């Protein structure tokens, strides 16, 4: 689906390009001057760039803090989850252990290995 979307946008963009040499040259010049205008924005608006730089540094600091907070919370939850699950296994070891001992290898039980559905079982008469 992504390739179809890209191909459609490319086809539309190519169809909208001018075919006349003079119009192509005019479009080329406008694209170049627009790129130059974007690149030199901070030269023309130093106050806006300074404020933007300050806001960007604040945003990055907040993002780092949020990531650290989320990481610490996941580690705490994982540590408490492991402690809780190990306590539950110790308390119910008598119930869990026989089921684990019956398995020869792997994690599948005999019930897991049975198929869910096999169709109708026909008797000797075909019914």
N, C-alpha and C. Protein backbone atom coordinates (compact mmCIF):
# COMPACT_ATOMS: atom_id res chain seq x y z
N UNK A 1 0.83 -1.19 0.00
CA UNK A 1 0.00 0.00 0.00
C UNK A 1 0.87 1.25 0.00
N UNK A 2 1.98 1.20 0.71
CA UNK A 2 2.86 2.36 0.78
C UNK A 2 3.48 2.69 -0.56
N UNK A 3 3.87 1.66 -1.31
CA UNK A 3 4.48 1.89 -2.62
C UNK A 3 3.45 2.48 -3.59
N UNK A 4 2.22 2.03 -3.50
CA UNK A 4 1.16 2.56 -4.35
C UNK A 4 0.92 4.03 -4.04
N UNK A 5 0.92 4.38 -2.78
CA UNK A 5 0.71 5.77 -2.37
C UNK A 5 1.86 6.64 -2.87
N UNK A 6 3.09 6.17 -2.71
CA UNK A 6 4.25 6.94 -3.17
C UNK A 6 4.19 7.11 -4.69
N UNK A 7 3.86 6.04 -5.39
CA UNK A 7 3.77 6.12 -6.85
C UNK A 7 2.68 7.10 -7.29
N UNK A 8 1.57 7.11 -6.57
CA UNK A 8 0.48 8.04 -6.91
C UNK A 8 0.91 9.48 -6.70
N UNK A 9 1.55 9.77 -5.55
CA UNK A 9 2.02 11.13 -5.30
C UNK A 9 3.08 11.55 -6.30
N UNK A 10 3.98 10.64 -6.66
CA UNK A 10 5.01 10.96 -7.65
C UNK A 10 4.37 11.25 -9.00
N UNK A 11 3.38 10.45 -9.37
CA UNK A 11 2.70 10.67 -10.66
C UNK A 11 1.99 12.02 -10.69
N UNK A 12 1.33 12.38 -9.60
CA UNK A 12 0.64 13.67 -9.53
C UNK A 12 1.65 14.82 -9.60
N UNK A 13 2.77 14.68 -8.85
CA UNK A 13 3.78 15.73 -8.86
C UNK A 13 4.39 15.90 -10.25
N UNK A 14 4.67 14.80 -10.92
CA UNK A 14 5.24 14.88 -12.27
C UNK A 14 4.23 15.47 -13.25
N UNK A 15 2.96 15.12 -13.10
CA UNK A 15 1.93 15.65 -13.99
C UNK A 15 1.77 17.16 -13.81
N UNK A 16 2.01 17.67 -12.62
CA UNK A 16 1.84 19.10 -12.35
C UNK A 16 3.05 19.94 -12.77
N UNK A 17 4.17 19.30 -13.08
CA UNK A 17 5.34 20.05 -13.53
C UNK A 17 5.08 20.66 -14.90
N UNK A 18 5.60 21.86 -15.12
CA UNK A 18 5.37 22.49 -16.43
C UNK A 18 6.17 21.80 -17.54
N UNK A 19 5.64 21.85 -18.76
CA UNK A 19 6.32 21.24 -19.90
C UNK A 19 7.05 22.27 -20.75
N UNK A 20 6.68 23.54 -20.62
CA UNK A 20 7.31 24.62 -21.37
C UNK A 20 8.66 24.95 -20.74
N UNK A 21 9.70 25.12 -21.57
CA UNK A 21 11.06 25.41 -21.08
C UNK A 21 11.11 26.70 -20.26
N UNK A 22 10.40 27.71 -20.68
CA UNK A 22 10.40 28.99 -19.97
C UNK A 22 9.78 28.85 -18.58
N UNK A 23 8.67 28.12 -18.51
CA UNK A 23 8.02 27.89 -17.22
C UNK A 23 8.88 27.01 -16.31
N UNK A 24 9.58 26.04 -16.89
CA UNK A 24 10.49 25.19 -16.11
C UNK A 24 11.60 26.03 -15.51
N UNK A 25 12.18 26.94 -16.30
CA UNK A 25 13.25 27.80 -15.81
C UNK A 25 12.75 28.72 -14.69
N UNK A 26 11.55 29.27 -14.86
CA UNK A 26 10.96 30.13 -13.85
C UNK A 26 10.71 29.35 -12.55
N UNK A 27 10.20 28.13 -12.65
CA UNK A 27 9.98 27.28 -11.47
C UNK A 27 11.30 26.95 -10.79
N UNK A 28 12.33 26.65 -11.57
CA UNK A 28 13.65 26.33 -11.02
C UNK A 28 14.21 27.52 -10.24
N UNK A 29 14.08 28.72 -10.78
CA UNK A 29 14.58 29.94 -10.11
C UNK A 29 13.81 30.20 -8.82
N UNK A 30 12.50 30.04 -8.86
CA UNK A 30 11.68 30.26 -7.65
C UNK A 30 12.02 29.24 -6.57
N UNK A 31 12.23 27.99 -6.93
CA UNK A 31 12.59 26.97 -5.95
C UNK A 31 13.94 27.29 -5.32
N UNK A 32 14.89 27.75 -6.13
CA UNK A 32 16.21 28.12 -5.60
C UNK A 32 16.14 29.32 -4.67
N UNK A 33 15.36 30.33 -5.03
CA UNK A 33 15.25 31.52 -4.17
C UNK A 33 14.50 31.18 -2.88
N UNK A 34 13.52 30.29 -2.95
CA UNK A 34 12.81 29.87 -1.74
C UNK A 34 13.74 29.11 -0.81
N UNK A 35 14.55 28.22 -1.35
CA UNK A 35 15.52 27.49 -0.53
C UNK A 35 16.51 28.46 0.12
N UNK A 36 16.97 29.43 -0.62
CA UNK A 36 17.90 30.43 -0.08
C UNK A 36 17.23 31.24 1.03
N UNK A 37 15.97 31.58 0.86
CA UNK A 37 15.24 32.35 1.87
C UNK A 37 15.09 31.54 3.15
N UNK A 38 14.82 30.24 3.05
CA UNK A 38 14.67 29.37 4.22
C UNK A 38 16.00 29.21 4.95
N UNK A 39 17.07 29.02 4.20
CA UNK A 39 18.39 28.80 4.80
C UNK A 39 18.88 30.04 5.55
N UNK A 40 18.54 31.22 5.06
CA UNK A 40 19.04 32.46 5.69
C UNK A 40 18.03 33.07 6.66
N UNK A 41 17.08 32.31 7.15
CA UNK A 41 16.06 32.85 8.05
C UNK A 41 16.68 33.42 9.32
N UNK A 42 17.63 32.70 9.92
CA UNK A 42 18.24 33.17 11.17
C UNK A 42 19.09 34.41 10.97
N UNK A 43 19.63 34.62 9.77
CA UNK A 43 20.38 35.85 9.49
C UNK A 43 19.45 37.05 9.50
N UNK A 44 18.23 36.85 9.02
CA UNK A 44 17.28 37.95 8.96
C UNK A 44 16.48 38.15 10.25
N UNK A 45 16.29 37.07 11.03
CA UNK A 45 15.47 37.12 12.25
C UNK A 45 16.24 36.51 13.42
N UNK A 46 17.25 37.19 13.87
CA UNK A 46 18.11 36.62 14.92
C UNK A 46 17.36 36.47 16.25
N UNK A 47 16.46 37.38 16.57
CA UNK A 47 15.73 37.28 17.84
C UNK A 47 14.83 36.05 17.85
N UNK A 48 14.16 35.79 16.75
CA UNK A 48 13.28 34.61 16.67
C UNK A 48 14.09 33.32 16.76
N UNK A 49 15.24 33.30 16.13
CA UNK A 49 16.09 32.10 16.19
C UNK A 49 16.64 31.88 17.60
N UNK A 50 16.99 32.96 18.28
CA UNK A 50 17.51 32.83 19.64
C UNK A 50 16.41 32.28 20.56
N UNK A 51 15.21 32.81 20.45
CA UNK A 51 14.09 32.33 21.26
C UNK A 51 13.77 30.87 20.90
N UNK A 52 13.78 30.55 19.63
CA UNK A 52 13.53 29.17 19.20
C UNK A 52 14.58 28.21 19.74
N UNK A 53 15.82 28.65 19.73
CA UNK A 53 16.90 27.81 20.27
C UNK A 53 16.71 27.58 21.77
N UNK A 54 16.30 28.62 22.48
CA UNK A 54 16.06 28.50 23.92
C UNK A 54 14.89 27.54 24.19
N UNK A 55 13.82 27.68 23.44
CA UNK A 55 12.67 26.80 23.61
C UNK A 55 13.02 25.36 23.24
N UNK A 56 13.84 25.18 22.21
CA UNK A 56 14.25 23.84 21.82
C UNK A 56 15.07 23.17 22.92
N UNK A 57 15.99 23.92 23.54
CA UNK A 57 16.80 23.34 24.61
C UNK A 57 15.93 22.97 25.81
N UNK A 58 14.91 23.78 26.12
CA UNK A 58 13.99 23.44 27.19
C UNK A 58 13.20 22.17 26.84
N UNK A 59 12.76 22.07 25.60
CA UNK A 59 12.02 20.90 25.15
C UNK A 59 12.87 19.64 25.26
N UNK A 60 14.12 19.73 24.85
CA UNK A 60 15.02 18.57 24.92
C UNK A 60 15.23 18.16 26.38
N UNK A 61 15.42 19.15 27.27
CA UNK A 61 15.61 18.84 28.69
C UNK A 61 14.37 18.14 29.26
N UNK A 62 13.19 18.62 28.91
CA UNK A 62 11.95 17.99 29.38
C UNK A 62 11.80 16.59 28.81
N UNK A 63 12.15 16.40 27.55
CA UNK A 63 12.05 15.08 26.94
C UNK A 63 13.00 14.10 27.62
N UNK A 64 14.21 14.54 27.94
CA UNK A 64 15.16 13.67 28.64
C UNK A 64 14.64 13.31 30.02
N UNK A 65 14.06 14.29 30.74
CA UNK A 65 13.50 14.02 32.05
C UNK A 65 12.35 13.02 31.96
N UNK A 66 11.46 13.21 30.98
CA UNK A 66 10.33 12.30 30.80
C UNK A 66 10.78 10.88 30.47
N UNK A 67 11.79 10.77 29.61
CA UNK A 67 12.30 9.45 29.26
C UNK A 67 12.93 8.77 30.46
N UNK A 68 13.69 9.53 31.25
CA UNK A 68 14.32 8.96 32.45
C UNK A 68 13.25 8.53 33.45
N UNK A 69 12.22 9.35 33.62
CA UNK A 69 11.14 9.02 34.54
C UNK A 69 10.42 7.74 34.10
N UNK A 70 10.11 7.63 32.82
CA UNK A 70 9.44 6.43 32.30
C UNK A 70 10.33 5.20 32.48
N UNK A 71 11.61 5.34 32.21
CA UNK A 71 12.55 4.23 32.36
C UNK A 71 12.63 3.77 33.82
N UNK A 72 12.73 4.74 34.73
CA UNK A 72 12.80 4.40 36.15
C UNK A 72 11.51 3.72 36.61
N UNK A 73 10.36 4.21 36.15
CA UNK A 73 9.09 3.60 36.55
C UNK A 73 8.98 2.17 36.02
N UNK A 74 9.44 1.93 34.79
CA UNK A 74 9.39 0.57 34.24
C UNK A 74 10.30 -0.36 35.03
N UNK A 75 11.48 0.13 35.41
CA UNK A 75 12.40 -0.70 36.19
C UNK A 75 11.81 -1.03 37.55
N UNK A 76 11.20 -0.03 38.21
CA UNK A 76 10.58 -0.27 39.52
C UNK A 76 9.42 -1.26 39.39
N UNK A 77 8.61 -1.09 38.36
CA UNK A 77 7.47 -1.99 38.16
C UNK A 77 7.97 -3.42 37.88
N UNK A 78 9.02 -3.52 37.08
CA UNK A 78 9.57 -4.83 36.78
C UNK A 78 10.14 -5.48 38.04
N UNK A 79 10.86 -4.71 38.84
CA UNK A 79 11.44 -5.25 40.06
C UNK A 79 10.34 -5.67 41.04
N UNK A 80 9.31 -4.86 41.20
CA UNK A 80 8.23 -5.23 42.11
C UNK A 80 7.42 -6.38 41.54
N UNK A 81 7.27 -6.44 40.22
CA UNK A 81 6.55 -7.53 39.60
C UNK A 81 7.27 -8.85 39.76
N UNK A 82 8.59 -8.84 39.65
CA UNK A 82 9.36 -10.07 39.84
C UNK A 82 9.28 -10.54 41.28
N UNK A 83 9.35 -9.59 42.22
CA UNK A 83 9.27 -9.97 43.63
C UNK A 83 7.89 -10.54 43.94
N UNK A 84 6.84 -9.92 43.41
CA UNK A 84 5.48 -10.39 43.65
C UNK A 84 5.26 -11.75 43.01
N UNK A 85 5.72 -11.92 41.79
CA UNK A 85 5.49 -13.20 41.11
C UNK A 85 6.28 -14.32 41.78
N UNK A 86 7.48 -14.03 42.28
CA UNK A 86 8.23 -15.09 42.95
C UNK A 86 7.57 -15.46 44.27
N UNK A 87 6.97 -14.50 44.97
CA UNK A 87 6.24 -14.81 46.20
C UNK A 87 5.02 -15.67 45.88
N UNK A 88 4.29 -15.35 44.81
CA UNK A 88 3.12 -16.13 44.44
C UNK A 88 3.51 -17.55 44.06
N UNK A 89 4.62 -17.72 43.37
CA UNK A 89 5.07 -19.06 43.01
C UNK A 89 5.46 -19.85 44.25
N UNK A 90 6.11 -19.20 45.22
CA UNK A 90 6.49 -19.90 46.44
C UNK A 90 5.27 -20.35 47.23
N UNK A 91 4.24 -19.51 47.28
CA UNK A 91 3.05 -19.84 48.04
C UNK A 91 2.24 -20.95 47.37
N UNK A 92 2.22 -20.97 46.05
CA UNK A 92 1.41 -21.97 45.35
C UNK A 92 2.29 -23.01 44.68
N UNK A 93 3.45 -23.28 45.24
CA UNK A 93 4.39 -24.21 44.62
C UNK A 93 3.81 -25.63 44.56
N UNK A 94 3.04 -25.99 45.52
CA UNK A 94 2.46 -27.33 45.55
C UNK A 94 1.52 -27.54 44.37
N UNK A 95 0.81 -26.51 43.96
CA UNK A 95 -0.12 -26.65 42.85
C UNK A 95 0.60 -26.55 41.50
N UNK A 96 1.64 -25.76 41.39
CA UNK A 96 2.31 -25.53 40.12
C UNK A 96 3.31 -26.62 39.81
N UNK A 97 4.02 -27.10 40.78
CA UNK A 97 5.11 -28.03 40.56
C UNK A 97 4.68 -29.32 39.87
N UNK A 98 3.57 -30.01 40.25
CA UNK A 98 3.22 -31.25 39.55
C UNK A 98 2.98 -31.05 38.05
N UNK A 99 2.35 -29.96 37.71
CA UNK A 99 2.09 -29.71 36.29
C UNK A 99 3.40 -29.51 35.54
N UNK A 100 4.36 -28.85 36.16
CA UNK A 100 5.65 -28.64 35.52
C UNK A 100 6.45 -29.92 35.43
N UNK A 101 6.33 -30.80 36.42
CA UNK A 101 7.09 -32.04 36.42
C UNK A 101 6.57 -33.03 35.39
N UNK A 102 5.28 -32.96 35.03
CA UNK A 102 4.70 -33.90 34.08
C UNK A 102 5.22 -33.67 32.66
N UNK A 103 5.69 -32.52 32.36
CA UNK A 103 6.15 -32.20 31.02
C UNK A 103 7.54 -32.80 30.80
N UNK A 104 7.69 -33.48 29.68
CA UNK A 104 8.99 -34.05 29.34
C UNK A 104 9.92 -32.98 28.79
N UNK A 105 9.42 -32.22 27.81
CA UNK A 105 10.23 -31.17 27.22
C UNK A 105 9.31 -30.12 26.63
N UNK A 106 9.83 -28.94 26.51
CA UNK A 106 9.03 -27.86 25.95
C UNK A 106 8.05 -27.30 26.94
N UNK A 107 7.19 -26.44 26.44
CA UNK A 107 6.23 -25.79 27.32
C UNK A 107 4.79 -26.20 27.01
N UNK A 108 4.60 -27.07 26.02
CA UNK A 108 3.24 -27.47 25.67
C UNK A 108 2.77 -28.62 26.55
N UNK A 109 1.53 -28.55 26.97
CA UNK A 109 0.90 -29.64 27.72
C UNK A 109 0.25 -30.58 26.72
N UNK A 110 -0.12 -31.78 27.12
CA UNK A 110 -0.82 -32.69 26.19
C UNK A 110 -2.11 -32.07 25.65
N UNK A 111 -2.81 -31.29 26.46
CA UNK A 111 -4.03 -30.63 26.00
C UNK A 111 -3.71 -29.61 24.89
N UNK A 112 -2.55 -28.94 25.00
CA UNK A 112 -2.15 -27.99 23.97
C UNK A 112 -1.85 -28.68 22.65
N UNK A 113 -1.40 -29.91 22.72
CA UNK A 113 -1.01 -30.63 21.51
C UNK A 113 -2.19 -31.22 20.75
N UNK A 114 -3.36 -31.31 21.39
CA UNK A 114 -4.54 -31.84 20.72
C UNK A 114 -5.08 -30.80 19.75
N UNK A 115 -5.52 -31.23 18.55
CA UNK A 115 -6.07 -30.26 17.59
C UNK A 115 -7.43 -29.74 18.08
N UNK A 116 -7.75 -28.53 17.69
CA UNK A 116 -9.02 -27.93 18.10
C UNK A 116 -10.20 -28.56 17.39
N UNK A 117 -10.04 -28.89 16.11
CA UNK A 117 -11.16 -29.37 15.34
C UNK A 117 -10.66 -30.30 14.25
N UNK A 118 -11.36 -31.38 14.03
CA UNK A 118 -10.96 -32.33 12.99
C UNK A 118 -12.08 -32.61 12.01
N UNK A 119 -13.18 -31.95 12.11
CA UNK A 119 -14.29 -32.23 11.22
C UNK A 119 -15.19 -33.29 11.80
N UNK A 120 -16.19 -33.72 11.00
CA UNK A 120 -17.13 -34.74 11.48
C UNK A 120 -16.48 -36.10 11.48
N UNK A 121 -16.77 -36.88 12.51
CA UNK A 121 -16.33 -38.26 12.56
C UNK A 121 -17.42 -39.11 11.91
N UNK A 122 -17.08 -39.80 10.86
CA UNK A 122 -18.06 -40.61 10.15
C UNK A 122 -18.03 -42.05 10.68
N UNK A 123 -19.21 -42.62 10.79
CA UNK A 123 -19.28 -44.03 11.19
C UNK A 123 -19.10 -44.92 9.96
N UNK A 124 -19.24 -46.19 10.10
CA UNK A 124 -19.03 -47.13 9.00
C UNK A 124 -20.02 -46.95 7.87
N UNK A 125 -21.19 -46.44 8.16
CA UNK A 125 -22.22 -46.24 7.14
C UNK A 125 -22.02 -44.92 6.38
N UNK A 126 -21.04 -44.11 6.75
CA UNK A 126 -20.80 -42.85 6.08
C UNK A 126 -21.65 -41.70 6.59
N UNK A 127 -22.27 -41.88 7.73
CA UNK A 127 -23.15 -40.84 8.28
C UNK A 127 -22.51 -40.26 9.52
